[in-house]
Amino acid sequence: MHGENSIPDASVLSGWRKSSYSGESGGNCLEVNDTAAPTHVPVRDSKNPTGPAVVFTAPAWSAFVGAVKTRG
C-alpha cells in the first residue's frame, strides 16, 4: 500500500513513540508520530521500524483515540 495514505519507509521520520500502556515486553505495539506534521499522524508497527506507516488525518486520529478512551 503506497500513496497519500502511507509512507513506504517510516524510518525517515523521527519522533516515534509508543503508548505508556505498551510495557517493556516488546509485544504487538503501534508507534505514533504526532509531531511529523500538524495535519497528519503516521502510525507504524513497532517491530518493523523501516516498514510502512499508515497516515491518518489529525482529526481522524483524534476521533479514533477519543473512541478508544471512551469505550476502553
PDB file of N, CA and C in Angstrom:
ATOM      1  N   MET A   1       0.845  -1.169   0.000  1.00  0.00           N
ATOM      2  CA  MET A   1       0.000   0.000   0.000  1.00  0.00           C
ATOM      3  C   MET A   1       0.891   1.232   0.000  1.00  0.00           C
ATOM      4  N   HIS A   2       0.863   1.971  -1.048  1.00  0.00           N
ATOM      5  CA  HIS A   2       1.622   3.216  -1.126  1.00  0.00           C
ATOM      6  C   HIS A   2       0.715   4.280  -1.714  1.00  0.00           C
ATOM      7  N   GLY A   3       0.956   5.485  -1.364  1.00  0.00           N
ATOM      8  CA  GLY A   3       0.149   6.585  -1.857  1.00  0.00           C
ATOM      9  C   GLY A   3       0.030   7.649  -0.792  1.00  0.00           C
ATOM     10  N   GLU A   4      -1.001   8.453  -0.898  1.00  0.00           N
ATOM     11  CA  GLU A   4      -1.143   9.573   0.027  1.00  0.00           C
ATOM     12  C   GLU A   4      -1.487   9.135   1.445  1.00  0.00           C
ATOM     13  N   ASN A   5      -1.910   7.890   1.638  1.00  0.00           N
ATOM     14  CA  ASN A   5      -2.272   7.412   2.964  1.00  0.00           C
ATOM     15  C   ASN A   5      -1.215   6.513   3.587  1.00  0.00           C
ATOM     16  N   SER A   6      -0.014   6.519   3.038  1.00  0.00           N
ATOM     17  CA  SER A   6       1.049   5.688   3.602  1.00  0.00           C
ATOM     18  C   SER A   6       2.421   6.291   3.311  1.00  0.00           C
ATOM     19  N   ILE A   7       3.384   5.828   4.095  1.00  0.00           N
ATOM     20  CA  ILE A   7       4.792   6.177   3.899  1.00  0.00           C
ATOM     21  C   ILE A   7       5.529   4.850   3.756  1.00  0.00           C
ATOM     22  N   PRO A   8       6.193   4.586   2.625  1.00  0.00           N
ATOM     23  CA  PRO A   8       6.827   3.285   2.417  1.00  0.00           C
ATOM     24  C   PRO A   8       7.898   2.930   3.451  1.00  0.00           C
ATOM     25  N   ASP A   9       8.718   3.884   3.865  1.00  0.00           N
ATOM     26  CA  ASP A   9       9.783   3.633   4.843  1.00  0.00           C
ATOM     27  C   ASP A   9       9.626   4.623   5.985  1.00  0.00           C
ATOM     28  N   ALA A  10       8.997   4.164   7.052  1.00  0.00           N
ATOM     29  CA  ALA A  10       8.682   5.049   8.176  1.00  0.00           C
ATOM     30  C   ALA A  10       9.907   5.492   8.958  1.00  0.00           C
ATOM     31  N   SER A  11      11.052   4.863   8.729  1.00  0.00           N
ATOM     32  CA  SER A  11      12.258   5.236   9.481  1.00  0.00           C
ATOM     33  C   SER A  11      12.789   6.609   9.075  1.00  0.00           C
ATOM     34  N   VAL A  12      12.275   7.175   7.983  1.00  0.00           N
ATOM     35  CA  VAL A  12      12.739   8.502   7.561  1.00  0.00           C
ATOM     36  C   VAL A  12      12.241   9.604   8.495  1.00  0.00           C
ATOM     37  N   LEU A  13      11.268   9.292   9.335  1.00  0.00           N
ATOM     38  CA  LEU A  13      10.734  10.262  10.288  1.00  0.00           C
ATOM     39  C   LEU A  13      11.321  10.023  11.672  1.00  0.00           C
ATOM     40  N   SER A  14      11.546  11.080  12.407  1.00  0.00           N
ATOM     41  CA  SER A  14      11.963  10.936  13.804  1.00  0.00           C
ATOM     42  C   SER A  14      10.790  11.340  14.689  1.00  0.00           C
ATOM     43  N   GLY A  15      10.862  10.996  15.961  1.00  0.00           N
ATOM     44  CA  GLY A  15       9.820  11.399  16.894  1.00  0.00           C
ATOM     45  C   GLY A  15       8.769  10.339  17.168  1.00  0.00           C
ATOM     46  N   TRP A  16       9.074   9.079  16.886  1.00  0.00           N
ATOM     47  CA  TRP A  16       8.126   7.997  17.133  1.00  0.00           C
ATOM     48  C   TRP A  16       8.014   7.727  18.629  1.00  0.00           C
ATOM     49  N   ARG A  17       6.808   7.354  19.075  1.00  0.00           N
ATOM     50  CA  ARG A  17       6.617   6.984  20.477  1.00  0.00           C
ATOM     51  C   ARG A  17       5.570   5.888  20.582  1.00  0.00           C
ATOM     52  N   LYS A  18       5.711   5.094  21.644  1.00  0.00           N
ATOM     53  CA  LYS A  18       4.739   4.047  21.962  1.00  0.00           C
ATOM     54  C   LYS A  18       3.905   4.496  23.149  1.00  0.00           C
ATOM     55  N   SER A  19       2.743   3.937  23.269  1.00  0.00           N
ATOM     56  CA  SER A  19       1.899   4.207  24.422  1.00  0.00           C
ATOM     57  C   SER A  19       2.581   3.728  25.695  1.00  0.00           C
ATOM     58  N   SER A  20       2.378   4.442  26.775  1.00  0.00           N
ATOM     59  CA  SER A  20       2.927   4.007  28.062  1.00  0.00           C
ATOM     60  C   SER A  20       2.266   2.715  28.524  1.00  0.00           C
ATOM     61  N   TYR A  21       1.153   2.350  27.933  1.00  0.00           N
ATOM     62  CA  TYR A  21       0.473   1.101  28.268  1.00  0.00           C
ATOM     63  C   TYR A  21       1.091  -0.096  27.556  1.00  0.00           C
ATOM     64  N   SER A  22       2.023   0.125  26.657  1.00  0.00           N
ATOM     65  CA  SER A  22       2.629  -0.957  25.888  1.00  0.00           C
ATOM     66  C   SER A  22       3.521  -1.850  26.732  1.00  0.00           C
ATOM     67  N   GLY A  23       4.128  -1.308  27.777  1.00  0.00           N
ATOM     68  CA  GLY A  23       5.024  -2.101  28.607  1.00  0.00           C
ATOM     69  C   GLY A  23       6.358  -2.332  27.927  1.00  0.00           C
ATOM     70  N   GLU A  24       7.191  -3.118  28.550  1.00  0.00           N
ATOM     71  CA  GLU A  24       8.538  -3.388  28.051  1.00  0.00           C
ATOM     72  C   GLU A  24       8.676  -4.777  27.440  1.00  0.00           C
ATOM     73  N   SER A  25       7.594  -5.524  27.305  1.00  0.00           N
ATOM     74  CA  SER A  25       7.678  -6.906  26.836  1.00  0.00           C
ATOM     75  C   SER A  25       7.951  -7.024  25.343  1.00  0.00           C
ATOM     76  N   GLY A  26       7.815  -5.950  24.598  1.00  0.00           N
ATOM     77  CA  GLY A  26       8.094  -5.994  23.163  1.00  0.00           C
ATOM     78  C   GLY A  26       7.019  -6.693  22.364  1.00  0.00           C
ATOM     79  N   GLY A  27       5.803  -6.708  22.863  1.00  0.00           N
ATOM     80  CA  GLY A  27       4.700  -7.371  22.183  1.00  0.00           C
ATOM     81  C   GLY A  27       4.225  -6.616  20.962  1.00  0.00           C
ATOM     82  N   ASN A  28       2.982  -6.836  20.638  1.00  0.00           N
ATOM     83  CA  ASN A  28       2.373  -6.196  19.475  1.00  0.00           C
ATOM     84  C   ASN A  28       2.044  -4.746  19.801  1.00  0.00           C
ATOM     85  N   CYS A  29       2.873  -3.839  19.331  1.00  0.00           N
ATOM     86  CA  CYS A  29       2.699  -2.423  19.651  1.00  0.00           C
ATOM     87  C   CYS A  29       2.673  -1.578  18.382  1.00  0.00           C
ATOM     88  N   LEU A  30       1.943  -0.504  18.468  1.00  0.00           N
ATOM     89  CA  LEU A  30       1.970   0.510  17.427  1.00  0.00           C
ATOM     90  C   LEU A  30       2.762   1.690  17.939  1.00  0.00           C
ATOM     91  N   GLU A  31       3.409   2.377  17.016  1.00  0.00           N
ATOM     92  CA  GLU A  31       4.082   3.627  17.337  1.00  0.00           C
ATOM     93  C   GLU A  31       3.394   4.734  16.557  1.00  0.00           C
ATOM     94  N   VAL A  32       3.308   5.886  17.174  1.00  0.00           N
ATOM     95  CA  VAL A  32       2.659   7.032  16.558  1.00  0.00           C
ATOM     96  C   VAL A  32       3.664   8.174  16.487  1.00  0.00           C
ATOM     97  N   ASN A  33       3.535   8.965  15.446  1.00  0.00           N
ATOM     98  CA  ASN A  33       4.401  10.130  15.290  1.00  0.00           C
ATOM     99  C   ASN A  33       3.499  11.348  15.144  1.00  0.00           C
ATOM    100  N   ASP A  34       3.116  11.910  16.281  1.00  0.00           N
ATOM    101  CA  ASP A  34       2.202  13.042  16.226  1.00  0.00           C
ATOM    102  C   ASP A  34       2.922  14.382  16.171  1.00  0.00           C
ATOM    103  N   THR A  35       4.215  14.352  15.845  1.00  0.00           N
ATOM    104  CA  THR A  35       4.978  15.588  15.663  1.00  0.00           C
ATOM    105  C   THR A  35       5.442  15.773  14.219  1.00  0.00           C
ATOM    106  N   ALA A  36       5.158  14.809  13.346  1.00  0.00           N
ATOM    107  CA  ALA A  36       5.643  14.860  11.963  1.00  0.00           C
ATOM    108  C   ALA A  36       5.038  16.024  11.181  1.00  0.00           C
ATOM    109  N   ALA A  37       3.751  16.226  11.337  1.00  0.00           N
ATOM    110  CA  ALA A  37       3.050  17.309  10.638  1.00  0.00           C
ATOM    111  C   ALA A  37       1.804  17.646  11.438  1.00  0.00           C
ATOM    112  N   PRO A  38       1.386  18.889  11.448  1.00  0.00           N
ATOM    113  CA  PRO A  38       0.214  19.244  12.252  1.00  0.00           C
ATOM    114  C   PRO A  38      -1.104  18.684  11.711  1.00  0.00           C
ATOM    115  N   THR A  39      -1.120  18.303  10.447  1.00  0.00           N
ATOM    116  CA  THR A  39      -2.370  17.860   9.833  1.00  0.00           C
ATOM    117  C   THR A  39      -2.481  16.353   9.651  1.00  0.00           C
ATOM    118  N   HIS A  40      -1.374  15.611   9.851  1.00  0.00           N
ATOM    119  CA  HIS A  40      -1.367  14.169   9.610  1.00  0.00           C
ATOM    120  C   HIS A  40      -0.621  13.433  10.717  1.00  0.00           C
ATOM    121  N   VAL A  41      -1.040  12.180  10.973  1.00  0.00           N
ATOM    122  CA  VAL A  41      -0.433  11.369  12.026  1.00  0.00           C
ATOM    123  C   VAL A  41      -0.060  10.000  11.449  1.00  0.00           C
ATOM    124  N   PRO A  42       1.241   9.739  11.239  1.00  0.00           N
ATOM    125  CA  PRO A  42       1.673   8.416  10.799  1.00  0.00           C
ATOM    126  C   PRO A  42       1.652   7.423  11.966  1.00  0.00           C
ATOM    127  N   VAL A  43       1.292   6.169  11.663  1.00  0.00           N
ATOM    128  CA  VAL A  43       1.262   5.091  12.648  1.00  0.00           C
ATOM    129  C   VAL A  43       1.967   3.894  12.027  1.00  0.00           C
ATOM    130  N   ARG A  44       2.870   3.236  12.809  1.00  0.00           N
ATOM    131  CA  ARG A  44       3.618   2.097  12.267  1.00  0.00           C
ATOM    132  C   ARG A  44       3.673   0.963  13.288  1.00  0.00           C
ATOM    133  N   ASP A  45       4.082  -0.202  12.819  1.00  0.00           N
ATOM    134  CA  ASP A  45       4.314  -1.378  13.655  1.00  0.00           C
ATOM    135  C   ASP A  45       5.672  -1.217  14.325  1.00  0.00           C
ATOM    136  N   SER A  46       5.718  -1.284  15.646  1.00  0.00           N
ATOM    137  CA  SER A  46       6.980  -1.067  16.362  1.00  0.00           C
ATOM    138  C   SER A  46       8.015  -2.147  16.066  1.00  0.00           C
ATOM    139  N   LYS A  47       7.574  -3.316  15.633  1.00  0.00           N
ATOM    140  CA  LYS A  47       8.517  -4.395  15.320  1.00  0.00           C
ATOM    141  C   LYS A  47       9.139  -4.244  13.938  1.00  0.00           C
ATOM    142  N   ASN A  48       8.649  -3.299  13.151  1.00  0.00           N
ATOM    143  CA  ASN A  48       9.142  -3.105  11.789  1.00  0.00           C
ATOM    144  C   ASN A  48       9.363  -1.608  11.537  1.00  0.00           C
ATOM    145  N   PRO A  49      10.367  -1.010  12.189  1.00  0.00           N
ATOM    146  CA  PRO A  49      10.556   0.442  12.085  1.00  0.00           C
ATOM    147  C   PRO A  49      10.923   0.946  10.690  1.00  0.00           C
ATOM    148  N   THR A  50      11.430   0.083   9.821  1.00  0.00           N
ATOM    149  CA  THR A  50      11.744   0.515   8.458  1.00  0.00           C
ATOM    150  C   THR A  50      10.628   0.161   7.483  1.00  0.00           C
ATOM    151  N   GLY A  51       9.555  -0.410   8.000  1.00  0.00           N
ATOM    152  CA  GLY A  51       8.409  -0.752   7.166  1.00  0.00           C
ATOM    153  C   GLY A  51       7.518   0.455   6.941  1.00  0.00           C
ATOM    154  N   PRO A  52       6.360   0.216   6.360  1.00  0.00           N
ATOM    155  CA  PRO A  52       5.464   1.324   6.037  1.00  0.00           C
ATOM    156  C   PRO A  52       4.738   1.870   7.260  1.00  0.00           C
ATOM    157  N   ALA A  53       4.246   3.069   7.127  1.00  0.00           N
ATOM    158  CA  ALA A  53       3.375   3.686   8.127  1.00  0.00           C
ATOM    159  C   ALA A  53       2.071   4.066   7.437  1.00  0.00           C
ATOM    160  N   VAL A  54       0.977   3.865   8.124  1.00  0.00           N
ATOM    161  CA  VAL A  54      -0.323   4.325   7.647  1.00  0.00           C
ATOM    162  C   VAL A  54      -0.496   5.752   8.154  1.00  0.00           C
ATOM    163  N   VAL A  55      -0.966   6.632   7.303  1.00  0.00           N
ATOM    164  CA  VAL A  55      -1.099   8.041   7.668  1.00  0.00           C
ATOM    165  C   VAL A  55      -2.579   8.403   7.800  1.00  0.00           C
ATOM    166  N   PHE A  56      -2.928   8.905   8.981  1.00  0.00           N
ATOM    167  CA  PHE A  56      -4.284   9.359   9.263  1.00  0.00           C
ATOM    168  C   PHE A  56      -4.302  10.884   9.267  1.00  0.00           C
ATOM    169  N   THR A  57      -5.434  11.473   8.957  1.00  0.00           N
ATOM    170  CA  THR A  57      -5.556  12.911   9.175  1.00  0.00           C
ATOM    171  C   THR A  57      -5.594  13.134  10.681  1.00  0.00           C
ATOM    172  N   ALA A  58      -5.171  14.295  11.123  1.00  0.00           N
ATOM    173  CA  ALA A  58      -5.165  14.587  12.559  1.00  0.00           C
ATOM    174  C   ALA A  58      -6.569  14.468  13.165  1.00  0.00           C
ATOM    175  N   PRO A  59      -7.623  14.968  12.505  1.00  0.00           N
ATOM    176  CA  PRO A  59      -8.962  14.799  13.081  1.00  0.00           C
ATOM    177  C   PRO A  59      -9.398  13.328  13.167  1.00  0.00           C
ATOM    178  N   ALA A  60      -9.051  12.520  12.173  1.00  0.00           N
ATOM    179  CA  ALA A  60      -9.412  11.099  12.209  1.00  0.00           C
ATOM    180  C   ALA A  60      -8.684  10.391  13.346  1.00  0.00           C
ATOM    181  N   TRP A  61      -7.394  10.693  13.534  1.00  0.00           N
ATOM    182  CA  TRP A  61      -6.630  10.080  14.621  1.00  0.00           C
ATOM    183  C   TRP A  61      -7.195  10.505  15.975  1.00  0.00           C
ATOM    184  N   SER A  62      -7.520  11.765  16.117  1.00  0.00           N
ATOM    185  CA  SER A  62      -8.088  12.271  17.363  1.00  0.00           C
ATOM    186  C   SER A  62      -9.420  11.585  17.676  1.00  0.00           C
ATOM    187  N   ALA A  63     -10.247  11.395  16.663  1.00  0.00           N
ATOM    188  CA  ALA A  63     -11.526  10.711  16.852  1.00  0.00           C
ATOM    189  C   ALA A  63     -11.308   9.257  17.259  1.00  0.00           C
ATOM    190  N   PHE A  64     -10.341   8.581  16.640  1.00  0.00           N
ATOM    191  CA  PHE A  64     -10.029   7.197  16.985  1.00  0.00           C
ATOM    192  C   PHE A  64      -9.577   7.092  18.438  1.00  0.00           C
ATOM    193  N   VAL A  65      -8.628   7.924  18.840  1.00  0.00           N
ATOM    194  CA  VAL A  65      -8.113   7.894  20.216  1.00  0.00           C
ATOM    195  C   VAL A  65      -9.236   8.209  21.206  1.00  0.00           C
ATOM    196  N   GLY A  66     -10.063   9.179  20.886  1.00  0.00           N
ATOM    197  CA  GLY A  66     -11.192   9.511  21.753  1.00  0.00           C
ATOM    198  C   GLY A  66     -12.156   8.349  21.915  1.00  0.00           C
ATOM    199  N   ALA A  67     -12.434   7.644  20.819  1.00  0.00           N
ATOM    200  CA  ALA A  67     -13.336   6.493  20.877  1.00  0.00           C
ATOM    201  C   ALA A  67     -12.740   5.363  21.705  1.00  0.00           C
ATOM    202  N   VAL A  68     -11.449   5.115  21.562  1.00  0.00           N
ATOM    203  CA  VAL A  68     -10.789   4.068  22.348  1.00  0.00           C
ATOM    204  C   VAL A  68     -10.836   4.413  23.832  1.00  0.00           C
ATOM    205  N   LYS A  69     -10.568   5.655  24.175  1.00  0.00           N
ATOM    206  CA  LYS A  69     -10.606   6.075  25.583  1.00  0.00           C
ATOM    207  C   LYS A  69     -12.011   5.943  26.161  1.00  0.00           C
ATOM    208  N   THR A  70     -13.011   6.270  25.370  1.00  0.00           N
ATOM    209  CA  THR A  70     -14.394   6.212  25.834  1.00  0.00           C
ATOM    210  C   THR A  70     -14.873   4.776  26.019  1.00  0.00           C
ATOM    211  N   ARG A  71     -14.508   3.911  25.084  1.00  0.00           N
ATOM    212  CA  ARG A  71     -15.001   2.531  25.097  1.00  0.00           C
ATOM    213  C   ARG A  71     -14.074   1.571  25.831  1.00  0.00           C
ATOM    214  N   GLY A  72     -12.856   2.036  26.126  1.00  0.00           N
ATOM    215  CA  GLY A  72     -11.894   1.214  26.862  1.00  0.00           C
ATOM    216  C   GLY A  72     -11.423   0.087  26.068  1.00  0.00           C
TER     217      GLY A  72
END
